[in-house]
């Protein structure tokens, strides 16, 4: 049995190999882009997890009883102080532009 390829078969084989190699290169490039995107998302997730792991620090609390005064156990917070404190920590507050 003769295993030799004809000239036309050899040419077709070489062309198929070239197309295969081109497709492999395209897929490798696409894979690299997907890996880069994954790495960026992992970095972003890690940064967000670290940010969420840090408790939000609230401003001084107040009591309200015939007036307003500072009290570490008070039930009242001044809205503007809370909003400013959150902004200082890198968060946005509803109503910010």
Protein backbone atom coordinates (compact mmCIF):
# COMPACT_ATOMS: atom_id res chain seq x y z
CA UNK A 1 0.00 0.00 0.00
CA UNK A 2 1.38 3.38 -1.05
CA UNK A 3 1.16 6.12 1.66
CA UNK A 4 2.53 8.91 -0.51
CA UNK A 5 0.40 12.00 -1.10
CA UNK A 6 -0.19 13.45 -4.51
CA UNK A 7 0.91 17.02 -5.16
CA UNK A 8 -2.67 18.28 -4.83
CA UNK A 9 -3.19 16.35 -1.58
CA UNK A 10 0.10 17.67 -0.21
CA UNK A 11 -0.90 21.25 -1.13
CA UNK A 12 -4.30 20.80 0.51
CA UNK A 13 -2.63 19.39 3.63
CA UNK A 14 -0.18 22.29 3.83
CA UNK A 15 -3.04 24.78 3.38
CA UNK A 16 -5.07 23.04 6.11
CA UNK A 17 -2.07 23.16 8.45
CA UNK A 18 -1.62 26.87 7.77
CA UNK A 19 -5.30 27.55 8.48
CA UNK A 20 -5.10 25.45 11.63
CA UNK A 21 -2.03 27.36 12.82
CA UNK A 22 -3.76 30.68 12.11
CA UNK A 23 -6.83 29.56 14.08
CA UNK A 24 -4.64 28.40 16.97
CA UNK A 25 -2.93 31.81 17.05
CA UNK A 26 -6.33 33.57 17.07
CA UNK A 27 -7.56 31.38 19.92
CA UNK A 28 -4.37 31.91 21.92
CA UNK A 29 -4.74 35.68 21.52
CA UNK A 30 -8.34 35.47 22.64
CA UNK A 31 -7.35 33.30 25.61
CA UNK A 32 -4.74 35.87 26.64
CA UNK A 33 -7.37 38.63 26.52
CA UNK A 34 -9.75 36.55 28.64
CA UNK A 35 -6.98 35.83 31.15
CA UNK A 36 -6.10 39.52 31.34
CA UNK A 37 -9.75 40.43 31.91
CA UNK A 38 -10.04 37.74 34.61
CA UNK A 39 -6.90 39.04 36.36
CA UNK A 40 -8.25 42.61 36.28
CA UNK A 41 -11.56 41.47 37.72
CA UNK A 42 -9.83 39.46 40.45
CA UNK A 43 -7.77 42.54 41.37
CA UNK A 44 -10.90 44.68 41.45
CA UNK A 45 -12.75 42.09 43.55
CA UNK A 46 -9.86 41.92 45.98
CA UNK A 47 -9.79 45.71 46.33
CA UNK A 48 -13.55 45.79 46.91
CA UNK A 49 -13.38 42.98 49.46
CA UNK A 50 -10.67 44.88 51.36
CA UNK A 51 -12.76 48.02 51.27
CA UNK A 52 -15.83 46.21 52.55
CA UNK A 53 -13.79 44.50 55.28
CA UNK A 54 -13.03 47.91 56.80
CA UNK A 55 -15.92 49.09 58.96
CA UNK A 56 -17.45 52.44 58.14
CA UNK A 57 -16.57 55.00 60.80
CA UNK A 58 -19.55 57.13 61.80
CA UNK A 59 -19.32 60.60 63.29
CA UNK A 60 -20.03 61.48 66.91
CA UNK A 61 -23.43 60.45 68.25
CA UNK A 62 -25.81 62.80 70.05
CA UNK A 63 -28.62 62.63 72.54
CA UNK A 64 -31.81 64.54 72.02
CA UNK A 65 -33.48 65.61 75.23
CA UNK A 66 -34.61 69.20 75.60
CA UNK A 67 -31.65 70.01 73.37
CA UNK A 68 -28.89 68.24 71.51
CA UNK A 69 -25.54 67.23 72.92
CA UNK A 70 -22.73 64.79 72.24
CA UNK A 71 -23.22 61.32 73.73
CA UNK A 72 -21.23 58.18 72.72
CA UNK A 73 -24.38 56.15 73.45
CA UNK A 74 -26.81 58.59 71.88
CA UNK A 75 -29.41 57.53 69.35
CA UNK A 76 -29.09 60.48 67.00
CA UNK A 77 -26.62 61.24 64.18
CA UNK A 78 -26.45 64.49 62.26
CA UNK A 79 -27.14 63.74 58.57
CA UNK A 80 -24.53 66.14 57.16
CA UNK A 81 -21.83 64.73 59.44
CA UNK A 82 -22.69 61.16 58.42
CA UNK A 83 -22.70 62.08 54.72
CA UNK A 84 -19.38 63.93 54.99
CA UNK A 85 -17.80 61.10 56.99
CA UNK A 86 -18.86 58.57 54.34
CA UNK A 87 -17.50 60.77 51.54
CA UNK A 88 -14.17 61.11 53.38
CA UNK A 89 -13.96 57.30 53.41
CA UNK A 90 -14.46 57.14 49.65
CA UNK A 91 -18.17 56.33 49.48
CA UNK A 92 -20.82 58.25 47.61
CA UNK A 93 -23.99 59.40 49.30
CA UNK A 94 -27.42 59.42 47.68
CA UNK A 95 -27.88 62.81 46.06
CA UNK A 96 -24.18 63.28 45.20
CA UNK A 97 -23.67 64.29 41.59
